[in-house]
Amino acid sequence: MGYTDNELELLLDSIESDLAERKESWNGSAPQTGRQAVCAFANDLPDHRQLGVLFVGARDDGTSSGLAITDELLLTLSDIRSDGNTLPPPSIVVEKRTVKGSEMAVITVRPSDAPPVRYRGRIWVRVGPRRAVATPQEERILNEKRRYRDIPFDVQPLPSCNLSALSRVLFEQEYLPNAFAPDVLTANQRSYEQKLASCRMTASVDDPAPTVLGILVLGVSPRDWIPGAYVQFLRIAGTRMTDPIQDEAIIDGDLGQVLRRIDDKIDSHSRIEIDFTSADQEVRTMPYPRVALQQLIRNAVMHRTYESTNAPVRVTWFDDRIEITNPGGPFGVVTQENFGQPGITDYRNPSLAGAMKVMGYVQRFGVGIQIAKAELTKNGNPDLEFQVGLTHILATVRRRP
């Protein structure tokens, strides 16, 4: 539940509250410091377990600054959740509210179930009026909080697993340099175990059992622990499953390996077609746009369920279409009815989504399907088709005529 108008007035007037922050406008440094505030509210270091509020259009003393609250401003503020700078993506609601007789933009932030949350590689916290980068002790507290909440499956620990199941080289040489700002890494004196816990790759320093996320991203052999953590690729010479198999592959390994290898498969089967007869000059076309296939497959890997199923993501390439099957139905605010609509997104695996952003496989959140649709249209392919079930989602990409 959100705050009532009276509750918002009390928060707006309470200058020392660590549940509220004010911005006169959204210009200058406000977009950066406002995102820092959202990150701090999501981390909820004092453990209030209450919504934090960022008022846009309010002065430090709680009075209105007279800022015009337009639809464009509200859309800009909503972008905090999906621009990929705050990881894992924060749970926020952006509204135009009338507080003390004046219109303001109100961003309410729900405490994260999987802290620490980072904005551009830094963990921001707030206690009273102070907002700052977390100290090592505060970071440890946030890591400990994660164990006592109903956390998402992707950061749940695997009790029988130990650190030998994770690749230290992959973590230290590839993941960490992308996850943290350079100056943070330079000043970082934390141990290997502390760094793993901070990145949600293990449960905590005291309980160094790798999490599902750790195994997926850094695992030496992820399928030993998560049997469905792979992509099954099948190239059918025909249009039916009973037609001959031209190529097949089980694509497994750590997350980076899986995504790179499936890209290689896409490239090996995408052949440029040359038309010499329809125009004075030869016309070169692709049957499928590479970016569209990448977006759909990465979406499937990100949003699938890894719990209670051993099914892989399946990519089945026929002569006339490609079918991508995700073993995970709609989640959260996404339903069978609104699936694929712009602006409607939720995260079954929020920390995995964050890791994919860190590794460069996601540029921003919530736009993968829209990018795929746009690329298909630009390439001349038929419209993208979805069959949305309770336990799976099938995306069908038709070949360019």
Protein backbone atom coordinates (compact mmCIF):
# COMPACT_ATOMS: atom_id res chain seq x y z
CA MET A 1 0.00 0.00 0.00
CA GLY A 2 1.16 3.55 -0.78
CA TYR A 3 0.95 6.55 1.49
CA THR A 4 -2.21 8.60 2.02
CA ASP A 5 -2.17 12.34 1.39
CA ASN A 6 -1.91 13.00 5.14
CA GLU A 7 1.03 10.60 5.49
CA LEU A 8 2.81 12.27 2.58
CA GLU A 9 2.33 15.67 4.23
CA LEU A 10 3.93 14.39 7.43
CA LEU A 11 6.90 12.98 5.51
CA LEU A 12 7.26 16.20 3.52
CA ASP A 13 7.39 18.26 6.73
CA SER A 14 9.74 15.87 8.57
CA ILE A 15 13.08 17.33 7.52
CA GLU A 16 15.15 14.81 9.52
CA SER A 17 13.31 11.72 8.27
CA ASP A 18 15.38 9.04 6.57
CA LEU A 19 12.28 8.01 4.62
CA ALA A 20 11.98 11.20 2.54
CA GLU A 21 14.06 13.39 0.28
CA ARG A 22 13.13 16.49 -1.72
CA LYS A 23 14.16 17.91 -5.09
CA GLU A 24 13.07 21.34 -6.33
CA SER A 25 13.36 20.25 -9.97
CA TRP A 26 14.83 17.50 -12.13
CA ASN A 27 17.61 19.62 -13.61
CA GLY A 28 21.34 19.89 -12.96
CA SER A 29 22.58 17.29 -10.49
CA ALA A 30 19.06 16.24 -9.43
CA PRO A 31 18.81 13.20 -11.77
CA GLN A 32 22.03 11.80 -10.27
CA THR A 33 21.38 12.61 -6.60
CA GLY A 34 17.75 11.56 -6.99
CA ARG A 35 18.84 8.15 -8.22
CA GLN A 36 21.25 7.92 -5.30
CA ALA A 37 18.28 8.58 -2.99
CA VAL A 38 16.22 5.85 -4.68
CA CYS A 39 19.15 3.45 -4.26
CA ALA A 40 19.43 4.38 -0.56
CA PHE A 41 15.70 3.89 0.06
CA ALA A 42 15.84 0.50 -1.69
CA ASN A 43 18.72 -0.55 0.59
CA ASP A 44 16.74 0.47 3.71
CA LEU A 45 19.79 0.30 5.98
CA PRO A 46 17.79 1.28 9.12
CA ASP A 47 15.47 -1.67 8.32
CA HIS A 48 12.26 0.36 8.54
CA ARG A 49 10.63 -1.95 5.97
CA GLN A 50 8.60 1.04 4.84
CA LEU A 51 8.36 2.91 1.56
CA GLY A 52 10.87 5.68 1.02
CA VAL A 53 9.65 8.79 -0.79
CA LEU A 54 11.39 11.16 -3.19
CA PHE A 55 9.40 14.38 -3.69
CA VAL A 56 10.17 16.20 -6.94
CA GLY A 57 8.87 19.76 -6.89
CA ALA A 58 9.55 20.42 -3.20
CA ARG A 59 12.10 22.66 -1.53
CA ASP A 60 14.26 21.53 1.38
CA ASP A 61 11.81 23.11 3.83
CA GLY A 62 8.91 21.09 2.40
CA THR A 63 7.22 23.92 0.51
CA SER A 64 6.31 23.67 -3.17
CA SER A 65 8.83 24.91 -5.73
CA GLY A 66 6.08 25.41 -8.32
CA LEU A 67 7.53 22.83 -10.71
CA ALA A 68 5.15 21.86 -13.52
CA ILE A 69 4.42 18.13 -13.18
CA THR A 70 4.02 17.05 -16.80
CA ASP A 71 3.53 13.62 -18.32
CA GLU A 72 7.00 13.97 -19.83
CA LEU A 73 8.51 14.50 -16.36
CA LEU A 74 6.66 11.48 -14.97
CA LEU A 75 7.95 9.30 -17.83
CA THR A 76 11.48 10.57 -17.21
CA LEU A 77 11.22 9.70 -13.52
CA SER A 78 9.85 6.24 -14.32
CA ASP A 79 13.01 5.62 -16.32
CA ILE A 80 14.92 5.30 -13.02
CA ARG A 81 13.68 1.73 -12.78
CA SER A 82 14.61 0.64 -16.29
CA ASP A 83 17.71 2.59 -17.33
CA GLY A 84 20.02 -0.09 -15.93
CA ASN A 85 22.04 2.21 -13.70
CA THR A 86 20.45 0.95 -10.46
CA LEU A 87 20.91 -2.79 -9.90
CA PRO A 88 19.00 -4.88 -9.15
CA PRO A 89 16.16 -2.79 -10.62
CA PRO A 90 14.36 -0.94 -7.81
CA SER A 91 10.63 -1.35 -7.21
CA ILE A 92 9.19 2.15 -7.56
CA VAL A 93 5.87 3.89 -8.23
CA VAL A 94 5.83 7.34 -9.85
CA GLU A 95 2.73 9.49 -9.38
CA LYS A 96 1.46 13.05 -9.64
CA ARG A 97 0.06 13.86 -6.19
CA THR A 98 -1.41 16.95 -4.58
CA VAL A 99 0.39 17.51 -1.28
CA LYS A 100 -0.38 20.52 0.91
CA GLY A 101 -2.39 22.00 -1.93
CA SER A 102 0.40 21.78 -4.54
CA GLU A 103 1.13 19.29 -7.29
CA MET A 104 4.34 17.27 -6.91
CA ALA A 105 5.86 14.19 -8.48
CA VAL A 106 6.09 11.50 -5.83
CA ILE A 107 8.38 8.48 -6.22
CA THR A 108 7.75 5.76 -3.65
CA VAL A 109 10.49 3.15 -3.29
CA ARG A 110 9.97 -0.31 -1.83
CA PRO A 111 12.83 -1.78 0.25
CA SER A 112 14.70 -4.38 -1.76
CA ASP A 113 14.40 -8.06 -0.87
CA ALA A 114 17.92 -8.60 -2.18
CA PRO A 115 20.21 -5.82 -0.94
CA PRO A 116 22.70 -4.34 -1.47
CA VAL A 117 21.37 -2.25 -4.36
CA ARG A 118 23.94 -0.23 -6.33
CA TYR A 119 23.72 2.92 -8.38
CA ARG A 120 26.53 2.98 -10.94
CA GLY A 121 28.57 0.50 -8.95
CA ARG A 122 28.18 2.23 -5.57
CA ILE A 123 26.00 1.22 -2.63
CA TRP A 124 24.09 4.26 -1.34
CA VAL A 125 22.48 4.30 2.12
CA ARG A 126 20.58 6.78 4.23
CA VAL A 127 20.34 7.18 7.99
CA GLY A 128 18.53 10.31 9.14
CA PRO A 129 19.49 13.21 6.86
CA ARG A 130 22.74 11.51 5.77
CA ARG A 131 22.99 9.96 2.31
CA ALA A 132 26.38 8.48 1.46
CA VAL A 133 28.22 5.53 -0.01
CA ALA A 134 28.02 2.57 2.37
CA THR A 135 30.97 1.81 4.61
CA PRO A 136 32.28 -1.78 4.70
CA GLN A 137 30.36 -2.33 7.94
CA GLU A 138 27.11 -1.00 6.45
CA GLU A 139 27.63 -3.18 3.38
CA ARG A 140 28.03 -6.21 5.65
CA ILE A 141 24.75 -5.34 7.39
CA LEU A 142 22.96 -5.19 4.03
CA ASN A 143 24.38 -8.57 3.04
CA GLU A 144 23.17 -10.05 6.33
CA LYS A 145 19.67 -8.61 5.86
CA ARG A 146 19.33 -10.58 2.65
CA ARG A 147 19.34 -13.90 4.49
CA TYR A 148 16.30 -13.13 6.62
CA ARG A 149 13.85 -12.06 3.95
CA ASP A 150 11.68 -13.90 1.47
CA ILE A 151 14.31 -13.44 -1.20
CA PRO A 152 13.95 -14.15 -4.94
CA PHE A 153 15.02 -17.60 -6.07
CA ASP A 154 18.04 -16.29 -7.97
CA VAL A 155 19.78 -15.20 -4.74
CA GLN A 156 18.82 -18.20 -2.66
CA PRO A 157 21.86 -20.25 -1.56
CA LEU A 158 22.58 -23.84 -2.58
CA PRO A 159 23.45 -25.37 0.82
CA SER A 160 25.36 -28.41 -0.46
CA CYS A 161 27.51 -26.29 -2.80
CA ASN A 162 30.85 -24.67 -1.90
CA LEU A 163 33.21 -22.04 -3.31
CA SER A 164 35.06 -24.54 -5.49
CA ALA A 165 31.98 -24.54 -7.75
CA LEU A 166 32.68 -20.90 -8.71
CA SER A 167 35.38 -19.59 -11.05
CA ARG A 168 37.51 -17.09 -9.17
CA VAL A 169 39.29 -16.03 -12.36
CA LEU A 170 36.00 -15.24 -14.08
CA PHE A 171 34.81 -13.27 -11.06
CA GLU A 172 37.94 -11.21 -10.50
CA GLN A 173 39.05 -10.64 -14.10
CA GLU A 174 35.73 -10.24 -15.91
CA TYR A 175 32.80 -9.63 -13.57
CA LEU A 176 34.22 -7.30 -10.92
CA PRO A 177 35.76 -4.74 -13.33
CA ASN A 178 32.34 -4.31 -14.93
CA ALA A 179 30.35 -4.33 -11.69
CA PHE A 180 32.20 -1.59 -9.79
CA ALA A 181 33.43 1.89 -10.54
CA PRO A 182 37.25 1.90 -11.02
CA ASP A 183 37.93 4.04 -7.95
CA VAL A 184 35.81 1.72 -5.81
CA LEU A 185 37.84 -1.29 -6.97
CA THR A 186 41.12 0.55 -6.38
CA ALA A 187 40.19 1.41 -2.79
CA ASN A 188 38.59 -1.97 -2.09
CA GLN A 189 40.34 -3.95 0.64
CA ARG A 190 37.63 -6.60 0.95
CA SER A 191 38.45 -10.29 0.80
CA TYR A 192 37.40 -12.60 -2.02
CA GLU A 193 34.61 -13.96 0.18
CA GLN A 194 33.36 -10.46 1.03
CA LYS A 195 33.30 -9.46 -2.63
CA LEU A 196 31.35 -12.57 -3.59
CA ALA A 197 28.76 -11.89 -0.88
CA SER A 198 28.49 -8.24 -1.87
CA CYS A 199 27.69 -9.25 -5.47
CA ARG A 200 25.11 -11.84 -4.26
CA MET A 201 27.21 -14.70 -5.61
CA THR A 202 27.20 -16.26 -2.13
CA ALA A 203 24.74 -16.06 0.77
CA SER A 204 27.11 -14.15 3.08
CA VAL A 205 30.65 -14.09 4.39
CA ASP A 206 29.63 -16.31 7.30
CA ASP A 207 27.63 -18.61 5.03
CA PRO A 208 29.67 -18.78 1.81
CA ALA A 209 27.30 -21.16 0.00
CA PRO A 210 27.03 -20.06 -3.65
CA THR A 211 23.65 -18.67 -4.67
CA VAL A 212 21.72 -19.64 -7.77
CA LEU A 213 23.01 -16.39 -9.29
CA GLY A 214 26.59 -17.30 -8.43
CA ILE A 215 26.30 -20.69 -10.10
CA LEU A 216 24.63 -19.27 -13.21
CA VAL A 217 27.15 -16.45 -13.68
CA LEU A 218 30.39 -17.93 -12.31
CA GLY A 219 29.74 -21.65 -12.15
CA VAL A 220 32.44 -24.06 -13.30
CA SER A 221 29.67 -26.51 -14.22
CA PRO A 222 26.26 -24.87 -13.63
CA ARG A 223 24.18 -27.85 -14.76
CA ASP A 224 25.58 -29.94 -11.91
CA TRP A 225 23.54 -27.69 -9.59
CA ILE A 226 20.81 -26.25 -11.83
CA PRO A 227 19.93 -28.93 -14.41
CA GLY A 228 17.89 -26.59 -16.63
CA ALA A 229 20.64 -23.96 -16.97
CA TYR A 230 21.29 -24.38 -20.68
CA VAL A 231 19.93 -23.55 -24.13
CA GLN A 232 18.88 -26.35 -26.46
CA PHE A 233 19.45 -25.43 -30.12
CA LEU A 234 17.87 -27.38 -32.95
CA ARG A 235 18.02 -26.69 -36.70
CA ILE A 236 15.30 -28.56 -38.57
CA ALA A 237 15.58 -29.04 -42.34
CA GLY A 238 11.89 -28.45 -42.92
CA THR A 239 8.86 -26.91 -41.25
CA ARG A 240 7.82 -29.71 -38.86
CA MET A 241 9.47 -31.29 -35.83
CA THR A 242 9.41 -34.65 -37.63
CA ASP A 243 11.58 -33.36 -40.48
CA PRO A 244 15.33 -34.18 -40.54
CA ILE A 245 17.65 -32.53 -38.01
CA GLN A 246 20.37 -30.47 -39.69
CA ASP A 247 22.16 -29.27 -36.54
CA GLU A 248 21.71 -29.59 -32.79
CA ALA A 249 23.59 -28.41 -29.74
CA ILE A 250 23.32 -28.35 -25.97
CA ILE A 251 24.72 -24.92 -25.05
CA ASP A 252 25.77 -24.81 -21.42
CA GLY A 253 28.44 -23.31 -19.19
CA ASP A 254 28.53 -20.04 -17.31
CA LEU A 255 26.15 -17.28 -18.39
CA GLY A 256 28.69 -15.50 -20.60
CA GLN A 257 29.62 -18.73 -22.39
CA VAL A 258 25.97 -19.60 -23.05
CA LEU A 259 25.13 -16.19 -24.52
CA ARG A 260 28.28 -16.03 -26.65
CA ARG A 261 27.79 -19.56 -28.00
CA ILE A 262 24.15 -18.99 -28.89
CA ASP A 263 25.24 -15.84 -30.76
CA ASP A 264 27.70 -18.03 -32.69
CA LYS A 265 24.87 -20.43 -33.59
CA ILE A 266 22.72 -17.56 -34.82
CA ASP A 267 25.57 -16.31 -37.00
CA SER A 268 26.39 -19.75 -38.41
CA HIS A 269 22.81 -20.29 -39.63
CA SER A 270 22.07 -16.72 -40.77
CA ARG A 271 23.11 -16.55 -44.39
CA ILE A 272 22.90 -13.41 -46.49
CA GLU A 273 20.52 -13.86 -49.42
CA ILE A 274 21.43 -12.16 -52.72
CA ASP A 275 18.79 -11.16 -55.29
CA PHE A 276 20.19 -10.46 -58.79
CA THR A 277 16.85 -10.27 -60.65
CA SER A 278 14.53 -7.79 -58.88
CA ALA A 279 16.63 -4.66 -59.47
CA ASP A 280 19.50 -3.27 -61.53
CA GLN A 281 21.87 -3.89 -58.63
CA GLU A 282 22.09 -6.94 -56.40
CA VAL A 283 20.04 -6.77 -53.21
CA ARG A 284 21.42 -8.39 -50.06
CA THR A 285 19.01 -9.33 -47.26
CA MET A 286 19.01 -11.36 -44.06
CA PRO A 287 16.18 -13.82 -43.35
CA TYR A 288 16.25 -12.74 -39.68
CA PRO A 289 17.74 -9.66 -37.98
CA ARG A 290 20.48 -10.73 -35.55
CA VAL A 291 19.57 -8.14 -32.90
CA ALA A 292 15.97 -9.33 -32.73
CA LEU A 293 17.01 -12.94 -32.11
CA GLN A 294 19.56 -11.84 -29.50
CA GLN A 295 16.97 -9.81 -27.61
CA LEU A 296 14.40 -12.62 -27.55
CA ILE A 297 16.86 -15.32 -26.48
CA ARG A 298 18.43 -13.14 -23.79
CA ASN A 299 14.95 -12.23 -22.55
CA ALA A 300 14.15 -15.91 -22.26
CA VAL A 301 17.35 -16.63 -20.29
CA MET A 302 16.68 -13.66 -17.99
CA HIS A 303 12.97 -14.18 -17.30
CA ARG A 304 12.65 -17.97 -17.28
CA THR A 305 12.10 -19.89 -14.07
CA TYR A 306 15.06 -21.89 -12.79
CA GLU A 307 12.98 -23.31 -9.94
CA SER A 308 11.01 -26.56 -10.02
CA THR A 309 11.84 -27.36 -13.65
CA ASN A 310 14.73 -28.97 -15.50
CA ALA A 311 13.57 -27.65 -18.88
CA PRO A 312 16.02 -25.52 -20.89
CA VAL A 313 15.38 -22.48 -23.04
CA ARG A 314 14.73 -23.95 -26.49
CA VAL A 315 15.63 -22.36 -29.83
CA THR A 316 14.14 -24.38 -32.71
CA TRP A 317 15.07 -23.11 -36.17
CA PHE A 318 12.80 -24.28 -39.02
CA ASP A 319 13.03 -23.35 -42.69
CA ASP A 320 10.19 -20.83 -42.35
CA ARG A 321 10.41 -19.69 -38.71
CA ILE A 322 12.32 -19.72 -35.44
CA GLU A 323 10.59 -20.71 -32.20
CA ILE A 324 12.02 -19.61 -28.84
CA THR A 325 10.51 -21.30 -25.80
CA ASN A 326 10.92 -19.90 -22.30
CA PRO A 327 10.08 -22.31 -19.42
CA GLY A 328 8.46 -19.65 -17.29
CA GLY A 329 5.07 -18.00 -17.68
CA PRO A 330 4.13 -14.40 -16.83
CA PHE A 331 5.39 -13.08 -13.50
CA GLY A 332 4.31 -10.29 -11.14
CA VAL A 333 2.47 -7.46 -12.87
CA VAL A 334 2.89 -9.20 -16.25
CA THR A 335 -0.15 -11.32 -17.15
CA GLN A 336 -1.29 -13.38 -20.13
CA GLU A 337 -3.44 -10.41 -21.16
CA ASN A 338 -0.85 -7.61 -20.99
CA PHE A 339 2.27 -9.57 -21.99
CA GLY A 340 4.47 -7.65 -24.43
CA GLN A 341 2.80 -4.28 -23.91
CA PRO A 342 5.25 -1.36 -23.68
CA GLY A 343 6.01 -0.36 -20.10
CA ILE A 344 4.66 -3.59 -18.55
CA THR A 345 7.56 -5.55 -17.10
CA ASP A 346 8.56 -7.42 -13.97
CA TYR A 347 11.52 -9.50 -12.84
CA ARG A 348 11.38 -13.09 -11.67
CA ASN A 349 15.20 -13.01 -11.44
CA PRO A 350 16.11 -9.40 -10.58
CA SER A 351 19.72 -10.12 -9.63
CA LEU A 352 20.28 -12.17 -12.79
CA ALA A 353 18.89 -9.23 -14.77
CA GLY A 354 21.39 -6.99 -12.99
CA ALA A 355 24.25 -9.38 -13.76
CA MET A 356 23.34 -9.42 -17.45
CA LYS A 357 23.40 -5.62 -17.44
CA VAL A 358 26.81 -5.65 -15.71
CA MET A 359 28.15 -8.06 -18.34
CA GLY A 360 26.88 -5.95 -21.23
CA TYR A 361 24.13 -8.29 -22.47
CA VAL A 362 21.37 -5.82 -21.56
CA GLN A 363 21.53 -2.11 -22.37
CA ARG A 364 18.34 -1.09 -20.56
CA PHE A 365 15.44 -2.94 -19.01
CA GLY A 366 11.91 -3.44 -20.27
CA VAL A 367 12.56 -2.77 -23.97
CA GLY A 368 13.85 -6.10 -25.33
CA ILE A 369 10.57 -7.12 -26.97
CA GLN A 370 10.06 -3.62 -28.41
CA ILE A 371 13.58 -3.66 -29.89
CA ALA A 372 12.94 -7.10 -31.40
CA LYS A 373 9.67 -5.92 -32.95
CA ALA A 374 11.29 -2.81 -34.40
CA GLU A 375 14.18 -4.81 -35.90
CA LEU A 376 11.80 -7.31 -37.47
CA THR A 377 9.74 -4.54 -39.01
CA LYS A 378 12.86 -2.82 -40.35
CA ASN A 379 14.06 -6.10 -41.89
CA GLY A 380 10.68 -6.83 -43.51
CA ASN A 381 9.76 -9.84 -41.36
CA PRO A 382 6.16 -10.58 -40.36
CA ASP A 383 5.02 -9.46 -36.91
CA LEU A 384 6.43 -11.22 -33.86
CA GLU A 385 4.01 -13.81 -32.44
CA PHE A 386 3.60 -14.93 -28.82
CA GLN A 387 1.79 -17.82 -27.22
CA VAL A 388 1.64 -17.05 -23.50
CA GLY A 389 0.80 -19.93 -21.18
CA LEU A 390 0.82 -20.17 -17.42
CA THR A 391 4.11 -22.11 -17.38
CA HIS A 392 5.81 -21.16 -20.65
CA ILE A 393 6.09 -18.48 -23.32
CA LEU A 394 6.61 -19.28 -27.00
CA ALA A 395 7.93 -16.56 -29.32
CA THR A 396 7.69 -17.24 -33.05
CA VAL A 397 9.79 -15.26 -35.52
CA ARG A 398 8.68 -15.72 -39.13
CA ARG A 399 11.22 -15.69 -41.95
CA ARG A 400 11.45 -12.61 -44.16
CA PRO A 401 9.44 -13.26 -47.36
